Amino acid sequence: MNAFPLATRLGAASDRLHARSRALVRHLNADMQRIVLVWVVLASFGCGLRIAGATARGADALSGLMTALPYAFVIGAPIISLFLALRWFPAGGLLAQPKLRLARFGRWRDVDCVAARTLPLYGATGWMASLLLGILINIPVRTLEFLTAIPALGAHAPQWFVGLYALTMADVVVMTSLYAIAFVMALRHVPWFPRFLLMVWGFDLAAQLLIADLMAATPGLPASVARALGALLEGNLQKTLISMSLWLPYLLLSRRVNLTYRSRVPG
């Protein structure tokens, strides 16, 4: 029979999970170049398969280039956004809190931002590490969904497909870029991170609804394509709403989040 009380075992398990979250955040900070390299290899492979499947044998070089060029944005946009965000938000930088407080749930008192960094709860560890990883994973997931659902744009594509391709391409490029910036903001403890992530979620929802409305008004769209597109957009909406329902209460009420990103403690 185990002599340790249940509370002791739970406390030890919690300490181990927290240590793992700290190690995860430390690796994310240290291995940024490796993460980018893995992304380039995997994304290039997936985009290459799409391009190879769409490029007909004997096609001229210009046609092949026009087919491949848009995928450079799919691969490069999140990388450029990531490195821009790393430049905008240097590690250890002290940024001012927003003047207008949007998170007003609970009773809090402000603390000095320098003093906040000395408190045990400060940092993007614990459950925040899970959110960090989720934001990062969302980039390849959205890209894979796009590559799986939308064929490459050929030289003789119908007009309805040109519009569909342009909208979904813009969606994946913009959203992966925004999630890359949100990832860096969370990792670098930027005070604007919670409201920026909320803005990204809202933009994501609006983009899916906009694509659905525009494609519904497009003449000549086949019914089978409309059903497949509807399933894709509905899946994106559901994932975003689930993320919001899971993480928004945490972002509002967590002591760690309020200390790390809002420089305040329970009062």
C-alpha atoms as a PDB file:
ATOM      1  CA  MET A   1       0.000   0.000   0.000  1.00  0.00           C
ATOM      2  CA  ASN A   2       1.322   3.431  -0.967  1.00  0.00           C
ATOM      3  CA  ALA A   3       2.182   5.430   2.126  1.00  0.00           C
ATOM      4  CA  PHE A   4       2.130   8.793   0.381  1.00  0.00           C
ATOM      5  CA  PRO A   5      -1.138  10.665   0.722  1.00  0.00           C
ATOM      6  CA  LEU A   6      -3.102  11.452  -2.410  1.00  0.00           C
ATOM      7  CA  ALA A   7      -2.387  15.179  -2.149  1.00  0.00           C
ATOM      8  CA  THR A   8       1.341  14.530  -2.129  1.00  0.00           C
ATOM      9  CA  ARG A   9       1.152  12.339  -5.228  1.00  0.00           C
ATOM     10  CA  LEU A  10      -0.992  14.900  -7.043  1.00  0.00           C
ATOM     11  CA  GLY A  11       1.421  17.643  -6.071  1.00  0.00           C
ATOM     12  CA  ALA A  12       4.367  15.637  -7.382  1.00  0.00           C
ATOM     13  CA  ALA A  13       2.531  14.969 -10.656  1.00  0.00           C
ATOM     14  CA  SER A  14       1.720  18.662 -10.989  1.00  0.00           C
ATOM     15  CA  ASP A  15       5.366  19.557 -10.422  1.00  0.00           C
ATOM     16  CA  ARG A  16       6.456  17.104 -13.126  1.00  0.00           C
ATOM     17  CA  LEU A  17       3.943  18.516 -15.615  1.00  0.00           C
ATOM     18  CA  HIS A  18       5.065  22.045 -14.847  1.00  0.00           C
ATOM     19  CA  ALA A  19       8.714  21.067 -15.285  1.00  0.00           C
ATOM     20  CA  ARG A  20       7.848  19.585 -18.679  1.00  0.00           C
ATOM     21  CA  SER A  21       6.021  22.762 -19.684  1.00  0.00           C
ATOM     22  CA  ARG A  22       9.068  24.827 -18.724  1.00  0.00           C
ATOM     23  CA  ALA A  23      11.277  22.532 -20.797  1.00  0.00           C
ATOM     24  CA  LEU A  24       8.884  22.854 -23.743  1.00  0.00           C
ATOM     25  CA  VAL A  25       8.918  26.651 -23.619  1.00  0.00           C
ATOM     26  CA  ARG A  26      12.702  26.640 -23.269  1.00  0.00           C
ATOM     27  CA  HIS A  27      13.024  24.438 -26.377  1.00  0.00           C
ATOM     28  CA  LEU A  28      10.613  26.625 -28.337  1.00  0.00           C
ATOM     29  CA  ASN A  29      12.750  29.649 -27.506  1.00  0.00           C
ATOM     30  CA  ALA A  30      16.047  27.946 -28.287  1.00  0.00           C
ATOM     31  CA  ASP A  31      15.058  25.902 -31.352  1.00  0.00           C
ATOM     32  CA  MET A  32      13.340  28.564 -33.433  1.00  0.00           C
ATOM     33  CA  GLN A  33      15.637  28.026 -36.419  1.00  0.00           C
ATOM     34  CA  ARG A  34      15.098  24.265 -36.278  1.00  0.00           C
ATOM     35  CA  ILE A  35      11.325  24.774 -36.177  1.00  0.00           C
ATOM     36  CA  VAL A  36      11.554  26.979 -39.264  1.00  0.00           C
ATOM     37  CA  LEU A  37      13.751  24.423 -41.053  1.00  0.00           C
ATOM     38  CA  VAL A  38      11.296  21.595 -40.337  1.00  0.00           C
ATOM     39  CA  TRP A  39       8.447  23.777 -41.555  1.00  0.00           C
ATOM     40  CA  VAL A  40      10.250  24.625 -44.804  1.00  0.00           C
ATOM     41  CA  VAL A  41      11.000  20.961 -45.527  1.00  0.00           C
ATOM     42  CA  LEU A  42       7.495  19.685 -44.776  1.00  0.00           C
ATOM     43  CA  ALA A  43       5.640  22.575 -46.408  1.00  0.00           C
ATOM     44  CA  SER A  44       7.848  22.432 -49.499  1.00  0.00           C
ATOM     45  CA  PHE A  45       7.188  18.707 -49.809  1.00  0.00           C
ATOM     46  CA  GLY A  46       3.417  19.162 -49.530  1.00  0.00           C
ATOM     47  CA  CYS A  47       3.344  22.089 -51.950  1.00  0.00           C
ATOM     48  CA  GLY A  48       5.623  20.204 -54.321  1.00  0.00           C
ATOM     49  CA  LEU A  49       3.166  17.324 -54.467  1.00  0.00           C
ATOM     50  CA  ARG A  50       0.351  19.731 -55.321  1.00  0.00           C
ATOM     51  CA  ILE A  51       2.418  21.447 -58.026  1.00  0.00           C
ATOM     52  CA  ALA A  52       3.580  18.150 -59.528  1.00  0.00           C
ATOM     53  CA  GLY A  53       0.016  16.889 -59.696  1.00  0.00           C
ATOM     54  CA  ALA A  54      -1.169  19.994 -61.536  1.00  0.00           C
ATOM     55  CA  THR A  55       1.707  20.539 -63.956  1.00  0.00           C
ATOM     56  CA  ALA A  56       1.010  18.665 -67.170  1.00  0.00           C
ATOM     57  CA  ARG A  57       3.802  17.006 -69.080  1.00  0.00           C
ATOM     58  CA  GLY A  58       5.152  19.217 -71.805  1.00  0.00           C
ATOM     59  CA  ALA A  59       3.853  22.382 -70.123  1.00  0.00           C
ATOM     60  CA  ASP A  60       5.998  25.425 -70.774  1.00  0.00           C
ATOM     61  CA  ALA A  61       8.226  26.884 -68.090  1.00  0.00           C
ATOM     62  CA  LEU A  62       6.100  30.017 -67.656  1.00  0.00           C
ATOM     63  CA  SER A  63       2.992  27.964 -66.954  1.00  0.00           C
ATOM     64  CA  GLY A  64       4.846  25.874 -64.389  1.00  0.00           C
ATOM     65  CA  LEU A  65       6.233  28.996 -62.735  1.00  0.00           C
ATOM     66  CA  MET A  66       2.778  30.587 -62.472  1.00  0.00           C
ATOM     67  CA  THR A  67       1.445  27.382 -60.930  1.00  0.00           C
ATOM     68  CA  ALA A  68       4.252  27.182 -58.372  1.00  0.00           C
ATOM     69  CA  LEU A  69       4.606  30.858 -57.458  1.00  0.00           C
ATOM     70  CA  PRO A  70       1.546  31.159 -55.145  1.00  0.00           C
ATOM     71  CA  TYR A  71       2.861  28.320 -52.986  1.00  0.00           C
ATOM     72  CA  ALA A  72       5.943  30.381 -52.183  1.00  0.00           C
ATOM     73  CA  PHE A  73       3.597  32.602 -50.162  1.00  0.00           C
ATOM     74  CA  VAL A  74       2.161  29.563 -48.352  1.00  0.00           C
ATOM     75  CA  ILE A  75       5.661  28.497 -47.316  1.00  0.00           C
ATOM     76  CA  GLY A  76       7.230  31.905 -46.760  1.00  0.00           C
ATOM     77  CA  ALA A  77       4.473  34.047 -45.224  1.00  0.00           C
ATOM     78  CA  PRO A  78       4.489  32.470 -41.727  1.00  0.00           C
ATOM     79  CA  ILE A  79       8.298  32.461 -41.700  1.00  0.00           C
ATOM     80  CA  ILE A  80       8.498  36.159 -42.570  1.00  0.00           C
ATOM     81  CA  SER A  81       5.811  36.951 -39.995  1.00  0.00           C
ATOM     82  CA  LEU A  82       7.627  34.908 -37.352  1.00  0.00           C
ATOM     83  CA  PHE A  83      10.963  36.679 -37.837  1.00  0.00           C
ATOM     84  CA  LEU A  84       9.296  40.092 -38.047  1.00  0.00           C
ATOM     85  CA  ALA A  85       7.548  39.403 -34.749  1.00  0.00           C
ATOM     86  CA  LEU A  86      10.830  38.287 -33.172  1.00  0.00           C
ATOM     87  CA  ARG A  87      12.303  41.606 -34.291  1.00  0.00           C
ATOM     88  CA  TRP A  88       9.310  43.633 -33.063  1.00  0.00           C
ATOM     89  CA  PHE A  89       9.210  41.909 -29.667  1.00  0.00           C
ATOM     90  CA  PRO A  90      12.761  41.221 -28.448  1.00  0.00           C
ATOM     91  CA  ALA A  91      13.296  38.842 -25.551  1.00  0.00           C
ATOM     92  CA  GLY A  92      13.353  40.618 -22.214  1.00  0.00           C
ATOM     93  CA  GLY A  93      11.852  43.802 -23.602  1.00  0.00           C
ATOM     94  CA  LEU A  94       9.601  45.891 -21.384  1.00  0.00           C
ATOM     95  CA  LEU A  95       6.424  46.972 -23.157  1.00  0.00           C
ATOM     96  CA  ALA A  96       3.761  49.246 -21.717  1.00  0.00           C
ATOM     97  CA  GLN A  97       0.393  47.849 -20.740  1.00  0.00           C
ATOM     98  CA  PRO A  98      -2.633  48.876 -22.858  1.00  0.00           C
ATOM     99  CA  LYS A  99      -4.319  51.933 -21.387  1.00  0.00           C
ATOM    100  CA  LEU A 100      -7.798  50.458 -21.759  1.00  0.00           C
ATOM    101  CA  ARG A 101      -8.461  47.267 -19.813  1.00  0.00           C
ATOM    102  CA  LEU A 102     -10.756  44.831 -21.630  1.00  0.00           C
ATOM    103  CA  ALA A 103     -10.395  41.929 -19.163  1.00  0.00           C
ATOM    104  CA  ARG A 104     -12.402  43.179 -16.178  1.00  0.00           C
ATOM    105  CA  PHE A 105     -13.445  39.878 -14.639  1.00  0.00           C
ATOM    106  CA  GLY A 106     -12.302  39.357 -11.045  1.00  0.00           C
ATOM    107  CA  ARG A 107     -10.587  41.673  -8.594  1.00  0.00           C
ATOM    108  CA  TRP A 108      -6.984  42.536  -9.395  1.00  0.00           C
ATOM    109  CA  ARG A 109      -4.333  45.010  -8.392  1.00  0.00           C
ATOM    110  CA  ASP A 110      -1.512  46.203 -10.625  1.00  0.00           C
ATOM    111  CA  VAL A 111       2.119  45.412  -9.865  1.00  0.00           C
ATOM    112  CA  ASP A 112       5.291  46.818 -11.328  1.00  0.00           C
ATOM    113  CA  CYS A 113       6.265  44.990 -14.525  1.00  0.00           C
ATOM    114  CA  VAL A 114       9.815  44.443 -13.238  1.00  0.00           C
ATOM    115  CA  ALA A 115       8.578  43.088  -9.919  1.00  0.00           C
ATOM    116  CA  ALA A 116       6.099  40.849 -11.757  1.00  0.00           C
ATOM    117  CA  ARG A 117       8.981  38.979 -13.388  1.00  0.00           C
ATOM    118  CA  THR A 118      10.296  37.888 -10.002  1.00  0.00           C
ATOM    119  CA  LEU A 119       7.056  36.158  -8.969  1.00  0.00           C
ATOM    120  CA  PRO A 120       6.758  32.356  -9.311  1.00  0.00           C
ATOM    121  CA  LEU A 121       3.717  32.427 -11.606  1.00  0.00           C
ATOM    122  CA  TYR A 122       5.349  34.666 -14.199  1.00  0.00           C
ATOM    123  CA  GLY A 123       6.007  33.089 -17.589  1.00  0.00           C
ATOM    124  CA  ALA A 124       4.377  31.210 -20.450  1.00  0.00           C
ATOM    125  CA  THR A 125       4.540  27.848 -18.687  1.00  0.00           C
ATOM    126  CA  GLY A 126       1.901  25.558 -17.234  1.00  0.00           C
ATOM    127  CA  TRP A 127      -1.287  25.623 -19.285  1.00  0.00           C
ATOM    128  CA  MET A 128       0.096  28.542 -21.288  1.00  0.00           C
ATOM    129  CA  ALA A 129       2.641  26.162 -22.802  1.00  0.00           C
ATOM    130  CA  SER A 130      -0.238  24.072 -24.157  1.00  0.00           C
ATOM    131  CA  LEU A 131      -1.783  27.172 -25.707  1.00  0.00           C
ATOM    132  CA  LEU A 132       1.585  28.115 -27.213  1.00  0.00           C
ATOM    133  CA  LEU A 133       1.951  24.684 -28.779  1.00  0.00           C
ATOM    134  CA  GLY A 134      -1.630  24.773 -30.046  1.00  0.00           C
ATOM    135  CA  ILE A 135      -1.091  28.121 -31.768  1.00  0.00           C
ATOM    136  CA  LEU A 136       2.089  26.836 -33.405  1.00  0.00           C
ATOM    137  CA  ILE A 137       0.516  23.553 -34.548  1.00  0.00           C
ATOM    138  CA  ASN A 138      -2.395  25.468 -36.053  1.00  0.00           C
ATOM    139  CA  ILE A 139      -0.053  26.730 -38.803  1.00  0.00           C
ATOM    140  CA  PRO A 140       0.757  23.335 -40.382  1.00  0.00           C
ATOM    141  CA  VAL A 141      -2.786  22.085 -39.748  1.00  0.00           C
ATOM    142  CA  ARG A 142      -4.366  24.963 -41.679  1.00  0.00           C
ATOM    143  CA  THR A 143      -1.803  24.566 -44.451  1.00  0.00           C
ATOM    144  CA  LEU A 144      -2.390  20.821 -44.718  1.00  0.00           C
ATOM    145  CA  GLU A 145      -6.154  21.360 -44.919  1.00  0.00           C
ATOM    146  CA  PHE A 146      -5.648  23.846 -47.741  1.00  0.00           C
ATOM    147  CA  LEU A 147      -3.285  21.573 -49.670  1.00  0.00           C
ATOM    148  CA  THR A 148      -5.597  18.598 -49.236  1.00  0.00           C
ATOM    149  CA  ALA A 149      -8.797  20.388 -50.221  1.00  0.00           C
ATOM    150  CA  ILE A 150      -7.726  22.816 -52.971  1.00  0.00           C
ATOM    151  CA  PRO A 151      -5.920  21.638 -56.136  1.00  0.00           C
ATOM    152  CA  ALA A 152      -3.257  23.802 -57.745  1.00  0.00           C
ATOM    153  CA  LEU A 153      -4.406  26.439 -60.197  1.00  0.00           C
ATOM    154  CA  GLY A 154      -3.911  25.143 -63.722  1.00  0.00           C
ATOM    155  CA  ALA A 155      -3.629  27.123 -66.925  1.00  0.00           C
ATOM    156  CA  HIS A 156      -7.223  26.456 -68.028  1.00  0.00           C
ATOM    157  CA  ALA A 157      -9.085  26.604 -64.730  1.00  0.00           C
ATOM    158  CA  PRO A 158     -12.754  27.700 -64.809  1.00  0.00           C
ATOM    159  CA  GLN A 159     -13.601  31.125 -63.449  1.00  0.00           C
ATOM    160  CA  TRP A 160     -15.347  29.799 -60.356  1.00  0.00           C
ATOM    161  CA  PHE A 161     -12.210  27.850 -59.395  1.00  0.00           C
ATOM    162  CA  VAL A 162      -9.978  30.899 -59.869  1.00  0.00           C
ATOM    163  CA  GLY A 163     -12.094  32.761 -57.312  1.00  0.00           C
ATOM    164  CA  LEU A 164     -12.152  29.802 -54.919  1.00  0.00           C
ATOM    165  CA  TYR A 165      -8.396  29.331 -55.201  1.00  0.00           C
ATOM    166  CA  ALA A 166      -7.656  33.019 -54.614  1.00  0.00           C
ATOM    167  CA  LEU A 167      -9.906  33.243 -51.543  1.00  0.00           C
ATOM    168  CA  THR A 168      -8.659  30.077 -49.867  1.00  0.00           C
ATOM    169  CA  MET A 169      -5.039  30.887 -50.709  1.00  0.00           C
ATOM    170  CA  ALA A 170      -5.395  34.354 -49.163  1.00  0.00           C
ATOM    171  CA  ASP A 171      -7.073  32.822 -46.113  1.00  0.00           C
ATOM    172  CA  VAL A 172      -4.292  30.330 -45.394  1.00  0.00           C
ATOM    173  CA  VAL A 173      -1.520  32.883 -46.011  1.00  0.00           C
ATOM    174  CA  VAL A 174      -3.054  35.563 -43.777  1.00  0.00           C
ATOM    175  CA  MET A 175      -4.172  33.242 -40.989  1.00  0.00           C
ATOM    176  CA  THR A 176      -0.896  31.327 -40.698  1.00  0.00           C
ATOM    177  CA  SER A 177       0.934  34.671 -40.602  1.00  0.00           C
ATOM    178  CA  LEU A 178      -1.311  35.992 -37.830  1.00  0.00           C
ATOM    179  CA  TYR A 179      -0.952  32.811 -35.795  1.00  0.00           C
ATOM    180  CA  ALA A 180       2.839  33.016 -36.179  1.00  0.00           C
ATOM    181  CA  ILE A 181       2.783  36.554 -34.761  1.00  0.00           C
ATOM    182  CA  ALA A 182       0.474  35.475 -31.923  1.00  0.00           C
ATOM    183  CA  PHE A 183       2.878  32.639 -31.080  1.00  0.00           C
ATOM    184  CA  VAL A 184       5.825  35.013 -30.735  1.00  0.00           C
ATOM    185  CA  MET A 185       3.771  37.497 -28.706  1.00  0.00           C
ATOM    186  CA  ALA A 186       2.812  34.745 -26.256  1.00  0.00           C
ATOM    187  CA  LEU A 187       6.357  33.418 -26.068  1.00  0.00           C
ATOM    188  CA  ARG A 188       7.839  36.891 -25.472  1.00  0.00           C
ATOM    189  CA  HIS A 189       5.211  37.889 -22.861  1.00  0.00           C
ATOM    190  CA  VAL A 190       3.867  40.805 -24.909  1.00  0.00           C
ATOM    191  CA  PRO A 191       1.061  42.567 -22.967  1.00  0.00           C
ATOM    192  CA  TRP A 192      -1.089  42.823 -26.087  1.00  0.00           C
ATOM    193  CA  PHE A 193      -1.091  39.063 -26.687  1.00  0.00           C
ATOM    194  CA  PRO A 194      -4.509  38.143 -25.186  1.00  0.00           C
ATOM    195  CA  ARG A 195      -6.426  40.761 -27.136  1.00  0.00           C
ATOM    196  CA  PHE A 196      -4.381  40.097 -30.286  1.00  0.00           C
ATOM    197  CA  LEU A 197      -5.295  36.399 -30.122  1.00  0.00           C
ATOM    198  CA  LEU A 198      -8.941  37.355 -29.631  1.00  0.00           C
ATOM    199  CA  MET A 199      -8.676  39.564 -32.715  1.00  0.00           C
ATOM    200  CA  VAL A 200      -7.149  36.686 -34.706  1.00  0.00           C
ATOM    201  CA  TRP A 201      -9.984  34.382 -33.656  1.00  0.00           C
ATOM    202  CA  GLY A 202     -12.554  36.962 -34.699  1.00  0.00           C
ATOM    203  CA  PHE A 203     -10.820  37.544 -38.018  1.00  0.00           C
ATOM    204  CA  ASP A 204     -10.698  33.786 -38.611  1.00  0.00           C
ATOM    205  CA  LEU A 205     -14.442  33.433 -38.029  1.00  0.00           C
ATOM    206  CA  ALA A 206     -15.214  36.412 -40.273  1.00  0.00           C
ATOM    207  CA  ALA A 207     -12.959  35.078 -43.049  1.00  0.00           C
ATOM    208  CA  GLN A 208     -14.719  31.702 -43.160  1.00  0.00           C
ATOM    209  CA  LEU A 209     -18.139  33.355 -43.323  1.00  0.00           C
ATOM    210  CA  LEU A 210     -16.956  35.794 -46.005  1.00  0.00           C
ATOM    211  CA  ILE A 211     -15.578  33.002 -48.187  1.00  0.00           C
ATOM    212  CA  ALA A 212     -18.852  31.095 -47.840  1.00  0.00           C
ATOM    213  CA  ASP A 213     -20.914  34.153 -48.838  1.00  0.00           C
ATOM    214  CA  LEU A 214     -18.714  35.054 -51.812  1.00  0.00           C
ATOM    215  CA  MET A 215     -18.595  31.518 -53.180  1.00  0.00           C
ATOM    216  CA  ALA A 216     -22.340  31.051 -52.723  1.00  0.00           C
ATOM    217  CA  ALA A 217     -22.839  34.026 -55.056  1.00  0.00           C
ATOM    218  CA  THR A 218     -20.355  32.696 -57.634  1.00  0.00           C
ATOM    219  CA  PRO A 219     -22.092  31.441 -60.808  1.00  0.00           C
ATOM    220  CA  GLY A 220     -21.204  28.002 -62.107  1.00  0.00           C
ATOM    221  CA  LEU A 221     -19.971  26.563 -58.798  1.00  0.00           C
ATOM    222  CA  PRO A 222     -20.634  22.789 -58.926  1.00  0.00           C
ATOM    223  CA  ALA A 223     -22.830  21.401 -56.160  1.00  0.00           C
ATOM    224  CA  SER A 224     -20.219  18.812 -55.161  1.00  0.00           C
ATOM    225  CA  VAL A 225     -17.567  21.526 -54.783  1.00  0.00           C
ATOM    226  CA  ALA A 226     -19.973  23.686 -52.782  1.00  0.00           C
ATOM    227  CA  ARG A 227     -20.608  20.804 -50.372  1.00  0.00           C
ATOM    228  CA  ALA A 228     -16.895  20.080 -49.953  1.00  0.00           C
ATOM    229  CA  LEU A 229     -16.131  23.763 -49.431  1.00  0.00           C
ATOM    230  CA  GLY A 230     -18.935  24.040 -46.906  1.00  0.00           C
ATOM    231  CA  ALA A 231     -17.497  21.131 -44.935  1.00  0.00           C
ATOM    232  CA  LEU A 232     -14.027  22.715 -44.963  1.00  0.00           C
ATOM    233  CA  LEU A 233     -15.273  26.125 -43.825  1.00  0.00           C
ATOM    234  CA  GLU A 234     -17.542  24.583 -41.203  1.00  0.00           C
ATOM    235  CA  GLY A 235     -14.608  22.612 -39.830  1.00  0.00           C
ATOM    236  CA  ASN A 236     -12.526  25.792 -39.562  1.00  0.00           C
ATOM    237  CA  LEU A 237     -15.385  27.573 -37.800  1.00  0.00           C
ATOM    238  CA  GLN A 238     -15.841  24.729 -35.342  1.00  0.00           C
ATOM    239  CA  LYS A 239     -12.138  24.524 -34.501  1.00  0.00           C
ATOM    240  CA  THR A 240     -11.959  28.270 -33.894  1.00  0.00           C
ATOM    241  CA  LEU A 241     -15.106  28.301 -31.735  1.00  0.00           C
ATOM    242  CA  ILE A 242     -13.832  25.332 -29.728  1.00  0.00           C
ATOM    243  CA  SER A 243     -10.495  27.097 -29.174  1.00  0.00           C
ATOM    244  CA  MET A 244     -12.296  30.225 -28.018  1.00  0.00           C
ATOM    245  CA  SER A 245     -14.573  28.331 -25.642  1.00  0.00           C
ATOM    246  CA  LEU A 246     -11.635  26.453 -24.128  1.00  0.00           C
ATOM    247  CA  TRP A 247      -9.055  29.217 -23.875  1.00  0.00           C
ATOM    248  CA  LEU A 248     -10.961  32.486 -23.490  1.00  0.00           C
ATOM    249  CA  PRO A 249     -11.974  31.825 -19.848  1.00  0.00           C
ATOM    250  CA  TYR A 250      -8.365  30.867 -19.119  1.00  0.00           C
ATOM    251  CA  LEU A 251      -7.025  34.039 -20.734  1.00  0.00           C
ATOM    252  CA  LEU A 252      -9.432  36.139 -18.683  1.00  0.00           C
ATOM    253  CA  LEU A 253      -9.173  34.468 -15.269  1.00  0.00           C
ATOM    254  CA  SER A 254      -5.809  32.729 -15.045  1.00  0.00           C
ATOM    255  CA  ARG A 255      -3.488  34.186 -12.427  1.00  0.00           C
ATOM    256  CA  ARG A 256      -0.492  33.293 -14.594  1.00  0.00           C
ATOM    257  CA  VAL A 257      -1.934  35.079 -17.633  1.00  0.00           C
ATOM    258  CA  ASN A 258      -2.914  38.144 -15.619  1.00  0.00           C
ATOM    259  CA  LEU A 259       0.523  38.351 -14.026  1.00  0.00           C
ATOM    260  CA  THR A 260       2.531  37.645 -17.192  1.00  0.00           C
ATOM    261  CA  TYR A 261       0.571  39.705 -19.713  1.00  0.00           C
ATOM    262  CA  ARG A 262      -1.332  42.238 -17.583  1.00  0.00           C
ATOM    263  CA  SER A 263       1.112  42.769 -14.650  1.00  0.00           C
ATOM    264  CA  ARG A 264      -1.548  42.298 -12.004  1.00  0.00           C
ATOM    265  CA  VAL A 265      -2.271  39.900  -9.166  1.00  0.00           C
ATOM    266  CA  PRO A 266      -5.435  39.075  -7.208  1.00  0.00           C
ATOM    267  CA  GLY A 267      -6.372  41.991  -5.018  1.00  0.00           C
END
